[in-house]
N, C-alpha and C. Protein backbone atom coordinates (compact mmCIF):
# COMPACT_ATOMS: atom_id res chain seq x y z
N MET A 1 0.81 -1.19 0.00
CA MET A 1 0.00 0.00 0.00
C MET A 1 0.86 1.26 0.00
N LYS A 2 1.97 1.20 0.74
CA LYS A 2 2.86 2.35 0.80
C LYS A 2 3.49 2.62 -0.57
N LEU A 3 3.87 1.55 -1.29
CA LEU A 3 4.46 1.70 -2.63
C LEU A 3 3.45 2.32 -3.58
N PHE A 4 2.19 1.93 -3.48
CA PHE A 4 1.14 2.49 -4.31
C PHE A 4 0.98 3.99 -4.05
N SER A 5 1.04 4.40 -2.80
CA SER A 5 0.92 5.82 -2.44
C SER A 5 2.09 6.63 -3.00
N VAL A 6 3.30 6.07 -2.94
CA VAL A 6 4.48 6.76 -3.46
C VAL A 6 4.37 6.92 -4.97
N VAL A 7 3.98 5.86 -5.67
CA VAL A 7 3.83 5.92 -7.14
C VAL A 7 2.75 6.93 -7.50
N LEU A 8 1.61 6.87 -6.81
CA LEU A 8 0.53 7.81 -7.08
C LEU A 8 0.98 9.25 -6.81
N GLY A 9 1.73 9.45 -5.74
CA GLY A 9 2.24 10.77 -5.42
C GLY A 9 3.20 11.29 -6.48
N LEU A 10 4.06 10.42 -7.00
CA LEU A 10 4.99 10.82 -8.07
C LEU A 10 4.24 11.17 -9.34
N LEU A 11 3.27 10.38 -9.71
CA LEU A 11 2.49 10.66 -10.92
C LEU A 11 1.77 12.00 -10.79
N PHE A 12 1.18 12.24 -9.62
CA PHE A 12 0.46 13.50 -9.41
C PHE A 12 1.41 14.70 -9.47
N SER A 13 2.59 14.56 -8.88
CA SER A 13 3.51 15.69 -8.87
C SER A 13 4.04 16.00 -10.26
N PHE A 14 4.23 14.98 -11.10
CA PHE A 14 4.69 15.24 -12.47
C PHE A 14 3.59 15.88 -13.31
N SER A 15 2.36 15.55 -13.05
CA SER A 15 1.29 16.12 -13.86
C SER A 15 1.04 17.59 -13.49
N VAL A 16 1.38 17.99 -12.30
CA VAL A 16 1.19 19.37 -11.88
C VAL A 16 2.20 20.30 -12.55
N PHE A 17 3.42 19.82 -12.78
CA PHE A 17 4.48 20.64 -13.35
C PHE A 17 4.63 20.38 -14.85
N ALA A 18 3.64 20.74 -15.64
CA ALA A 18 3.70 20.56 -17.09
C ALA A 18 4.65 21.62 -17.67
N LEU A 19 5.39 21.24 -18.69
CA LEU A 19 6.30 22.18 -19.34
C LEU A 19 5.54 23.04 -20.33
N ASP A 20 5.86 24.34 -20.34
CA ASP A 20 5.30 25.24 -21.33
C ASP A 20 6.05 25.03 -22.63
N THR A 21 5.32 24.91 -23.74
CA THR A 21 5.94 24.72 -25.05
C THR A 21 5.23 25.58 -26.09
N ILE A 22 5.90 25.77 -27.22
CA ILE A 22 5.25 26.39 -28.37
C ILE A 22 5.36 25.43 -29.54
N GLU A 23 4.44 25.58 -30.48
CA GLU A 23 4.38 24.69 -31.64
C GLU A 23 4.07 25.52 -32.88
N ILE A 24 4.81 25.26 -33.97
CA ILE A 24 4.56 25.93 -35.25
C ILE A 24 3.58 25.08 -36.05
N MET A 25 2.54 25.72 -36.54
CA MET A 25 1.56 25.04 -37.39
C MET A 25 1.58 25.70 -38.77
N ALA A 26 1.57 24.87 -39.81
CA ALA A 26 1.59 25.37 -41.19
C ALA A 26 0.39 24.80 -41.93
N PRO A 27 0.04 25.40 -43.09
CA PRO A 27 -1.07 24.86 -43.86
C PRO A 27 -0.81 23.45 -44.36
N SER A 28 0.49 23.09 -44.48
CA SER A 28 0.87 21.78 -44.98
C SER A 28 2.33 21.53 -44.63
N THR A 29 2.76 20.28 -44.64
CA THR A 29 4.18 19.99 -44.43
C THR A 29 4.96 20.17 -45.72
N SER A 30 4.28 20.23 -46.85
CA SER A 30 4.91 20.47 -48.14
C SER A 30 4.40 21.81 -48.67
N LEU A 31 5.32 22.74 -48.92
CA LEU A 31 4.95 24.10 -49.30
C LEU A 31 5.40 24.43 -50.72
N GLN A 32 4.71 25.36 -51.34
CA GLN A 32 5.06 25.84 -52.68
C GLN A 32 5.91 27.10 -52.52
N ALA A 33 7.07 27.10 -53.17
CA ALA A 33 7.95 28.28 -53.13
C ALA A 33 7.31 29.43 -53.90
N GLY A 34 7.74 30.64 -53.54
CA GLY A 34 7.29 31.82 -54.27
C GLY A 34 5.89 32.27 -53.91
N GLN A 35 5.36 31.80 -52.81
CA GLN A 35 4.05 32.28 -52.37
C GLN A 35 4.03 32.38 -50.85
N TYR A 36 3.12 33.22 -50.37
CA TYR A 36 2.98 33.42 -48.94
C TYR A 36 2.15 32.29 -48.33
N HIS A 37 2.55 31.85 -47.15
CA HIS A 37 1.84 30.83 -46.39
C HIS A 37 1.59 31.38 -44.99
N GLN A 38 0.42 31.09 -44.46
CA GLN A 38 0.06 31.56 -43.12
C GLN A 38 0.48 30.51 -42.08
N PHE A 39 1.42 30.90 -41.23
CA PHE A 39 1.87 30.04 -40.14
C PHE A 39 1.24 30.52 -38.85
N LYS A 40 1.02 29.59 -37.95
CA LYS A 40 0.50 29.91 -36.62
C LYS A 40 1.45 29.32 -35.59
N VAL A 41 1.56 30.01 -34.46
CA VAL A 41 2.34 29.49 -33.33
C VAL A 41 1.41 29.42 -32.13
N TYR A 42 1.36 28.25 -31.53
CA TYR A 42 0.50 28.02 -30.37
C TYR A 42 1.34 27.76 -29.13
N PHE A 43 0.94 28.41 -28.05
CA PHE A 43 1.56 28.21 -26.74
C PHE A 43 0.73 27.17 -25.99
N HIS A 44 1.39 26.14 -25.49
CA HIS A 44 0.73 25.10 -24.70
C HIS A 44 1.24 25.23 -23.26
N GLY A 45 0.34 25.52 -22.34
CA GLY A 45 0.72 25.69 -20.94
C GLY A 45 -0.33 25.12 -20.00
N ASP A 46 -0.18 25.44 -18.74
CA ASP A 46 -1.09 24.92 -17.71
C ASP A 46 -2.54 25.34 -17.95
N ASN A 47 -2.74 26.52 -18.49
CA ASN A 47 -4.10 27.03 -18.70
C ASN A 47 -4.65 26.73 -20.08
N GLY A 48 -4.01 25.82 -20.81
CA GLY A 48 -4.52 25.45 -22.13
C GLY A 48 -3.62 25.93 -23.26
N THR A 49 -4.23 26.07 -24.41
CA THR A 49 -3.50 26.44 -25.63
C THR A 49 -4.00 27.78 -26.13
N ILE A 50 -3.06 28.68 -26.46
CA ILE A 50 -3.45 29.97 -27.02
C ILE A 50 -2.59 30.29 -28.24
N ASP A 51 -3.16 31.07 -29.14
CA ASP A 51 -2.46 31.51 -30.35
C ASP A 51 -1.57 32.69 -29.99
N VAL A 52 -0.25 32.55 -30.20
CA VAL A 52 0.70 33.63 -29.88
C VAL A 52 1.46 34.06 -31.14
N THR A 53 0.87 33.85 -32.30
CA THR A 53 1.54 34.14 -33.58
C THR A 53 2.00 35.59 -33.65
N ASN A 54 1.14 36.53 -33.26
CA ASN A 54 1.49 37.95 -33.38
C ASN A 54 2.53 38.40 -32.35
N LYS A 55 2.90 37.52 -31.42
CA LYS A 55 3.93 37.83 -30.43
C LYS A 55 5.19 36.99 -30.63
N THR A 56 5.27 36.35 -31.79
CA THR A 56 6.37 35.42 -32.09
C THR A 56 7.32 36.03 -33.10
N THR A 57 8.60 35.77 -32.91
CA THR A 57 9.62 36.15 -33.89
C THR A 57 10.01 34.90 -34.68
N PHE A 58 9.96 35.01 -36.01
CA PHE A 58 10.31 33.89 -36.88
C PHE A 58 11.74 34.06 -37.38
N THR A 59 12.48 32.96 -37.50
CA THR A 59 13.85 32.99 -38.01
C THR A 59 14.06 31.84 -38.99
N GLY A 60 15.05 32.01 -39.83
CA GLY A 60 15.42 30.96 -40.78
C GLY A 60 15.81 31.55 -42.11
N THR A 61 16.48 30.74 -42.91
CA THR A 61 16.85 31.17 -44.25
C THR A 61 15.72 30.81 -45.20
N ASN A 62 15.66 31.46 -46.33
CA ASN A 62 14.66 31.23 -47.37
C ASN A 62 13.26 31.70 -46.99
N TRP A 63 13.13 32.56 -46.00
CA TRP A 63 11.83 33.07 -45.58
C TRP A 63 11.82 34.59 -45.64
N SER A 64 10.71 35.15 -46.09
CA SER A 64 10.51 36.60 -46.08
C SER A 64 9.18 36.88 -45.39
N PRO A 65 9.20 37.57 -44.24
CA PRO A 65 7.94 37.82 -43.53
C PRO A 65 7.14 38.96 -44.15
N ARG A 66 5.83 38.85 -44.05
CA ARG A 66 4.95 39.94 -44.46
C ARG A 66 4.26 40.51 -43.23
N ALA A 67 3.44 39.76 -42.54
CA ALA A 67 2.78 40.25 -41.33
C ALA A 67 2.14 39.08 -40.59
N ASN A 68 2.22 39.12 -39.26
CA ASN A 68 1.48 38.23 -38.38
C ASN A 68 1.55 36.75 -38.81
N GLY A 69 2.75 36.25 -39.02
CA GLY A 69 2.93 34.84 -39.34
C GLY A 69 2.79 34.49 -40.80
N GLU A 70 2.62 35.48 -41.66
CA GLU A 70 2.52 35.21 -43.09
C GLU A 70 3.92 35.34 -43.69
N LEU A 71 4.43 34.22 -44.20
CA LEU A 71 5.81 34.17 -44.67
C LEU A 71 5.87 33.70 -46.12
N LEU A 72 6.77 34.35 -46.88
CA LEU A 72 7.03 33.95 -48.26
C LEU A 72 8.20 32.97 -48.25
N VAL A 73 7.99 31.82 -48.88
CA VAL A 73 9.06 30.84 -49.00
C VAL A 73 9.81 31.14 -50.29
N GLN A 74 11.09 31.49 -50.17
CA GLN A 74 11.90 31.82 -51.35
C GLN A 74 12.20 30.54 -52.14
N PRO A 75 12.20 30.61 -53.48
CA PRO A 75 12.53 29.43 -54.29
C PRO A 75 13.98 29.02 -54.09
N ALA A 76 14.23 27.75 -54.25
CA ALA A 76 15.58 27.23 -54.14
C ALA A 76 16.40 27.63 -55.36
N THR A 77 17.69 27.71 -55.19
CA THR A 77 18.57 27.96 -56.31
C THR A 77 18.46 26.79 -57.28
N TYR A 78 18.40 27.08 -58.54
CA TYR A 78 18.30 26.10 -59.63
C TYR A 78 16.96 25.37 -59.65
N GLY A 79 15.98 25.81 -58.87
CA GLY A 79 14.64 25.24 -58.94
C GLY A 79 14.50 23.86 -58.35
N ARG A 80 15.43 23.45 -57.54
CA ARG A 80 15.38 22.10 -56.97
C ARG A 80 14.48 22.06 -55.74
N PRO A 81 13.88 20.90 -55.47
CA PRO A 81 13.14 20.76 -54.21
C PRO A 81 14.11 20.90 -53.03
N MET A 82 13.61 21.36 -51.91
CA MET A 82 14.49 21.55 -50.76
C MET A 82 13.70 21.36 -49.47
N SER A 83 14.42 21.21 -48.39
CA SER A 83 13.84 21.22 -47.06
C SER A 83 14.36 22.46 -46.35
N VAL A 84 13.47 23.17 -45.68
CA VAL A 84 13.87 24.37 -44.97
C VAL A 84 13.41 24.30 -43.52
N ILE A 85 14.15 24.96 -42.67
CA ILE A 85 13.84 24.97 -41.24
C ILE A 85 13.33 26.36 -40.87
N LEU A 86 12.23 26.40 -40.16
CA LEU A 86 11.66 27.64 -39.67
C LEU A 86 11.74 27.62 -38.15
N GLY A 87 12.29 28.68 -37.57
CA GLY A 87 12.38 28.79 -36.12
C GLY A 87 11.38 29.81 -35.59
N ALA A 88 10.92 29.58 -34.38
CA ALA A 88 9.99 30.51 -33.74
C ALA A 88 10.46 30.75 -32.31
N THR A 89 10.41 32.02 -31.88
CA THR A 89 10.78 32.40 -30.52
C THR A 89 9.65 33.23 -29.93
N TYR A 90 9.23 32.83 -28.73
CA TYR A 90 8.14 33.53 -28.04
C TYR A 90 8.58 33.87 -26.63
N LEU A 91 8.43 35.14 -26.26
CA LEU A 91 8.75 35.58 -24.90
C LEU A 91 7.45 35.57 -24.08
N HIS A 92 7.38 34.62 -23.16
CA HIS A 92 6.18 34.45 -22.34
C HIS A 92 6.09 35.59 -21.32
N THR A 93 4.88 35.84 -20.84
CA THR A 93 4.66 36.92 -19.87
C THR A 93 5.40 36.69 -18.56
N ASP A 94 5.76 35.42 -18.26
CA ASP A 94 6.52 35.15 -17.02
C ASP A 94 8.02 35.38 -17.20
N GLY A 95 8.43 35.83 -18.41
CA GLY A 95 9.84 36.13 -18.68
C GLY A 95 10.61 35.00 -19.32
N ASN A 96 10.02 33.82 -19.45
CA ASN A 96 10.70 32.69 -20.09
C ASN A 96 10.63 32.81 -21.60
N THR A 97 11.74 32.52 -22.25
CA THR A 97 11.79 32.51 -23.71
C THR A 97 11.62 31.07 -24.18
N LEU A 98 10.65 30.86 -25.05
CA LEU A 98 10.38 29.53 -25.60
C LEU A 98 10.75 29.52 -27.07
N LYS A 99 11.44 28.47 -27.48
CA LYS A 99 11.88 28.35 -28.88
C LYS A 99 11.51 26.97 -29.42
N THR A 100 11.28 26.94 -30.72
CA THR A 100 11.05 25.67 -31.40
C THR A 100 11.41 25.82 -32.87
N THR A 101 11.55 24.71 -33.55
CA THR A 101 11.80 24.71 -35.00
C THR A 101 10.89 23.67 -35.65
N ALA A 102 10.68 23.85 -36.94
CA ALA A 102 9.92 22.88 -37.74
C ALA A 102 10.56 22.84 -39.12
N THR A 103 10.55 21.67 -39.73
CA THR A 103 11.13 21.47 -41.05
C THR A 103 10.01 21.25 -42.07
N PHE A 104 10.15 21.90 -43.22
CA PHE A 104 9.14 21.80 -44.27
C PHE A 104 9.80 21.46 -45.60
N ASN A 105 9.12 20.67 -46.41
CA ASN A 105 9.56 20.39 -47.77
C ASN A 105 9.00 21.48 -48.68
N VAL A 106 9.84 21.96 -49.61
CA VAL A 106 9.44 23.06 -50.48
C VAL A 106 9.62 22.64 -51.94
N ASP A 107 8.55 22.83 -52.71
CA ASP A 107 8.58 22.59 -54.15
C ASP A 107 8.86 23.92 -54.84
N SER A 108 9.96 24.00 -55.58
CA SER A 108 10.37 25.26 -56.24
C SER A 108 9.98 25.31 -57.71
N THR A 109 9.01 24.53 -58.12
CA THR A 109 8.57 24.54 -59.51
C THR A 109 7.74 25.80 -59.76
N PRO A 110 8.15 26.62 -60.74
CA PRO A 110 7.38 27.84 -61.02
C PRO A 110 6.12 27.53 -61.82
N TYR A 111 5.19 28.51 -61.85
CA TYR A 111 4.00 28.36 -62.69
C TYR A 111 4.40 28.31 -64.16
N TYR A 112 5.33 29.18 -64.53
CA TYR A 112 5.86 29.19 -65.91
C TYR A 112 7.15 29.99 -65.93
N ILE A 113 7.85 29.90 -67.07
CA ILE A 113 9.10 30.63 -67.29
C ILE A 113 8.93 31.50 -68.53
N ASN A 114 9.39 32.73 -68.46
CA ASN A 114 9.42 33.63 -69.62
C ASN A 114 10.86 33.88 -70.02
N ILE A 115 11.12 33.85 -71.32
CA ILE A 115 12.43 34.21 -71.85
C ILE A 115 12.27 35.48 -72.66
N PHE A 116 13.14 36.46 -72.40
CA PHE A 116 13.09 37.74 -73.09
C PHE A 116 14.39 37.97 -73.85
N GLY A 117 14.26 38.48 -75.07
CA GLY A 117 15.40 38.79 -75.92
C GLY A 117 14.93 38.92 -77.36
N PRO A 118 15.84 39.24 -78.26
CA PRO A 118 15.45 39.43 -79.66
C PRO A 118 15.04 38.11 -80.32
N SER A 119 14.03 38.20 -81.18
CA SER A 119 13.57 37.01 -81.91
C SER A 119 14.31 36.84 -83.23
N MET A 120 15.09 37.86 -83.63
CA MET A 120 15.91 37.76 -84.85
C MET A 120 17.33 38.20 -84.53
N VAL A 121 18.30 37.38 -84.96
CA VAL A 121 19.71 37.66 -84.70
C VAL A 121 20.48 37.36 -85.99
N TYR A 122 21.48 38.19 -86.29
CA TYR A 122 22.28 37.96 -87.49
C TYR A 122 23.26 36.81 -87.29
N SER A 123 23.53 36.13 -88.39
CA SER A 123 24.49 35.03 -88.39
C SER A 123 25.85 35.50 -87.91
N ASN A 124 26.54 34.62 -87.21
CA ASN A 124 27.89 34.90 -86.71
C ASN A 124 27.93 36.09 -85.75
N SER A 125 26.87 36.22 -84.94
CA SER A 125 26.82 37.27 -83.93
C SER A 125 26.20 36.67 -82.66
N GLY A 126 25.72 37.52 -81.79
CA GLY A 126 25.13 37.02 -80.55
C GLY A 126 24.13 37.99 -79.97
N ALA A 127 23.44 37.53 -78.93
CA ALA A 127 22.44 38.36 -78.26
C ALA A 127 22.27 37.86 -76.82
N GLN A 128 21.87 38.78 -75.96
CA GLN A 128 21.65 38.45 -74.55
C GLN A 128 20.19 38.13 -74.31
N TYR A 129 19.92 37.06 -73.55
CA TYR A 129 18.57 36.65 -73.19
C TYR A 129 18.45 36.58 -71.67
N GLN A 130 17.24 36.84 -71.20
CA GLN A 130 16.95 36.75 -69.77
C GLN A 130 15.79 35.80 -69.56
N ALA A 131 15.83 35.07 -68.44
CA ALA A 131 14.75 34.16 -68.10
C ALA A 131 14.21 34.52 -66.71
N PHE A 132 12.89 34.50 -66.60
CA PHE A 132 12.23 34.79 -65.33
C PHE A 132 11.27 33.66 -64.99
N ALA A 133 11.33 33.19 -63.75
CA ALA A 133 10.40 32.19 -63.26
C ALA A 133 9.26 32.92 -62.55
N GLN A 134 8.04 32.60 -62.92
CA GLN A 134 6.87 33.24 -62.29
C GLN A 134 6.26 32.28 -61.27
N PHE A 135 6.19 32.77 -60.04
CA PHE A 135 5.53 32.04 -58.96
C PHE A 135 4.26 32.80 -58.60
N ARG A 136 3.49 32.29 -57.69
CA ARG A 136 2.21 32.93 -57.35
C ARG A 136 2.39 34.36 -56.85
N ASP A 137 3.33 34.58 -55.92
CA ASP A 137 3.47 35.89 -55.30
C ASP A 137 4.79 36.59 -55.61
N MET A 138 5.54 36.08 -56.57
CA MET A 138 6.81 36.72 -56.91
C MET A 138 7.29 36.27 -58.28
N ARG A 139 8.23 37.04 -58.80
CA ARG A 139 8.91 36.71 -60.05
C ARG A 139 10.39 36.74 -59.76
N LYS A 140 11.13 35.76 -60.29
CA LYS A 140 12.56 35.64 -59.98
C LYS A 140 13.37 35.57 -61.27
N ASP A 141 14.43 36.38 -61.34
CA ASP A 141 15.35 36.31 -62.47
C ASP A 141 16.20 35.06 -62.31
N ILE A 142 16.06 34.12 -63.24
CA ILE A 142 16.78 32.85 -63.16
C ILE A 142 17.81 32.73 -64.29
N SER A 143 18.19 33.85 -64.88
CA SER A 143 19.11 33.83 -66.02
C SER A 143 20.42 33.12 -65.70
N PHE A 144 20.90 33.24 -64.46
CA PHE A 144 22.16 32.61 -64.08
C PHE A 144 21.94 31.29 -63.33
N GLU A 145 20.69 30.87 -63.18
CA GLU A 145 20.39 29.62 -62.48
C GLU A 145 19.89 28.53 -63.41
N CYS A 146 19.32 28.91 -64.54
CA CYS A 146 18.78 27.86 -65.41
C CYS A 146 19.90 27.28 -66.28
N SER A 147 19.66 26.11 -66.77
CA SER A 147 20.60 25.44 -67.66
C SER A 147 20.18 25.78 -69.09
N TRP A 148 21.03 26.53 -69.79
CA TRP A 148 20.72 26.99 -71.15
C TRP A 148 21.23 25.99 -72.18
N SER A 149 20.50 25.90 -73.30
CA SER A 149 20.95 25.09 -74.43
C SER A 149 20.30 25.63 -75.70
N ALA A 150 20.84 25.21 -76.84
CA ALA A 150 20.29 25.60 -78.14
C ALA A 150 20.49 24.44 -79.11
N PHE A 151 19.63 24.36 -80.14
CA PHE A 151 19.77 23.29 -81.12
C PHE A 151 20.99 23.50 -82.01
N TYR A 152 21.23 24.72 -82.48
CA TYR A 152 22.33 24.98 -83.41
C TYR A 152 23.40 25.89 -82.82
N GLY A 153 22.98 26.92 -82.15
CA GLY A 153 23.92 27.88 -81.58
C GLY A 153 24.42 27.42 -80.22
N PHE A 154 25.01 28.36 -79.48
CA PHE A 154 25.54 28.06 -78.16
C PHE A 154 25.05 29.14 -77.19
N VAL A 155 24.57 28.72 -76.02
CA VAL A 155 24.13 29.67 -74.99
C VAL A 155 25.00 29.47 -73.76
N SER A 156 25.68 30.53 -73.35
CA SER A 156 26.55 30.44 -72.17
C SER A 156 25.73 30.67 -70.90
N ALA A 157 26.33 30.39 -69.76
CA ALA A 157 25.68 30.65 -68.48
C ALA A 157 25.34 32.13 -68.41
N GLY A 158 24.17 32.44 -67.98
CA GLY A 158 23.73 33.83 -67.92
C GLY A 158 22.89 34.22 -69.12
N GLY A 159 22.79 33.36 -70.14
CA GLY A 159 21.88 33.60 -71.25
C GLY A 159 22.44 34.30 -72.47
N PHE A 160 23.76 34.34 -72.65
CA PHE A 160 24.29 34.95 -73.88
C PHE A 160 24.31 33.89 -74.98
N TYR A 161 23.59 34.19 -76.08
CA TYR A 161 23.44 33.26 -77.21
C TYR A 161 24.40 33.65 -78.33
N ARG A 162 25.13 32.68 -78.83
CA ARG A 162 26.04 32.87 -79.97
C ARG A 162 25.48 32.08 -81.14
N THR A 163 25.19 32.77 -82.25
CA THR A 163 24.58 32.09 -83.41
C THR A 163 25.63 31.26 -84.15
N PRO A 164 25.16 30.23 -84.85
CA PRO A 164 26.08 29.51 -85.73
C PRO A 164 26.31 30.35 -87.00
N TYR A 165 27.38 30.06 -87.72
CA TYR A 165 27.64 30.76 -88.97
C TYR A 165 26.68 30.22 -90.03
N ASN A 166 26.00 31.12 -90.72
CA ASN A 166 25.03 30.73 -91.74
C ASN A 166 25.15 31.71 -92.90
N ASN A 167 25.62 31.24 -94.04
CA ASN A 167 25.83 32.11 -95.19
C ASN A 167 24.83 31.86 -96.31
N ASN A 168 23.97 30.88 -96.16
CA ASN A 168 23.11 30.48 -97.29
C ASN A 168 21.68 30.99 -97.21
N TYR A 169 21.05 30.90 -96.08
CA TYR A 169 19.63 31.20 -95.99
C TYR A 169 19.29 31.55 -94.53
N THR A 170 18.10 32.08 -94.35
CA THR A 170 17.63 32.33 -92.99
C THR A 170 17.25 31.00 -92.37
N MET A 171 17.73 30.76 -91.15
CA MET A 171 17.39 29.51 -90.47
C MET A 171 16.80 29.82 -89.10
N ASN A 172 16.20 28.84 -88.51
CA ASN A 172 15.59 28.99 -87.18
C ASN A 172 16.38 28.19 -86.16
N ASP A 173 16.43 28.70 -84.97
CA ASP A 173 17.05 28.00 -83.86
C ASP A 173 16.11 28.12 -82.65
N THR A 174 16.29 27.27 -81.70
CA THR A 174 15.51 27.29 -80.47
C THR A 174 16.45 27.23 -79.29
N ILE A 175 16.29 28.18 -78.37
CA ILE A 175 17.07 28.11 -77.13
C ILE A 175 16.14 27.61 -76.02
N ASN A 176 16.73 26.94 -75.05
CA ASN A 176 15.98 26.36 -73.94
C ASN A 176 16.56 26.84 -72.62
N CYS A 177 15.68 27.05 -71.68
CA CYS A 177 16.07 27.37 -70.30
C CYS A 177 15.42 26.31 -69.42
N ARG A 178 16.25 25.49 -68.76
CA ARG A 178 15.74 24.46 -67.85
C ARG A 178 16.02 24.89 -66.42
N TYR A 179 14.95 24.94 -65.64
CA TYR A 179 15.03 25.37 -64.23
C TYR A 179 14.29 24.33 -63.40
N GLY A 180 15.03 23.52 -62.67
CA GLY A 180 14.40 22.44 -61.91
C GLY A 180 13.74 21.47 -62.86
N TYR A 181 12.44 21.27 -62.68
CA TYR A 181 11.68 20.35 -63.54
C TYR A 181 10.97 21.06 -64.67
N SER A 182 11.19 22.36 -64.85
CA SER A 182 10.51 23.15 -65.87
C SER A 182 11.47 23.55 -66.97
N THR A 183 10.98 23.55 -68.20
CA THR A 183 11.77 23.99 -69.35
C THR A 183 10.93 24.91 -70.21
N GLN A 184 11.55 26.00 -70.67
CA GLN A 184 10.89 26.92 -71.58
C GLN A 184 11.74 27.06 -72.84
N MET A 185 11.09 27.07 -74.00
CA MET A 185 11.78 27.24 -75.29
C MET A 185 11.48 28.62 -75.86
N PHE A 186 12.42 29.13 -76.65
CA PHE A 186 12.27 30.43 -77.30
C PHE A 186 12.84 30.30 -78.71
N ASN A 187 12.01 30.62 -79.72
CA ASN A 187 12.42 30.48 -81.13
C ASN A 187 13.09 31.74 -81.64
N ILE A 188 14.17 31.54 -82.41
CA ILE A 188 14.96 32.63 -82.96
C ILE A 188 15.14 32.41 -84.46
N SER A 189 15.03 33.48 -85.23
CA SER A 189 15.37 33.44 -86.65
C SER A 189 16.80 33.98 -86.80
N ILE A 190 17.64 33.21 -87.46
CA ILE A 190 19.03 33.63 -87.70
C ILE A 190 19.10 34.16 -89.12
N LEU A 191 19.39 35.45 -89.24
CA LEU A 191 19.44 36.12 -90.54
C LEU A 191 20.85 36.05 -91.09
N ARG A 192 20.98 35.90 -92.41
CA ARG A 192 22.33 35.83 -93.01
C ARG A 192 22.85 37.20 -93.35
């Protein structure tokens, strides 16, 4: 009977001293880059659970805050999928600082890619092209991140296209910009 009282007393004493914690909640564990997502932070304590999002400081790379837990997930370099860590810090009214982190998978596939530059280029010359990835809430210059290629000419890193030599007739070429799992083509007429 004495052992039962000691065990019961230990269980009761541990339940009285619950640890205060915070938790990050997201709309999903897999997020789309280039758009804002609403995050919430909840404080769990002796008196229950309360939303403390507007009193929380968020930290981490690849995040841009807008307001009250709304964060933009920056696209990964080269459009690759990535995992990112988001940290949250909350200063409780009793003076204790509570911290937590959460990891999220991010898809950096854009809605589409636009390539800008001249549609006609003279033979044995070159032209500069730019590529932009369009996401829901942002546009990103990916000219130095995408993998460039052309059927006949040559495109260097950064989007500079060098035409092949053509002395006989006007010909067409296509340049490609590959960013992650997305590819965009742009047709060019090569004038002699």
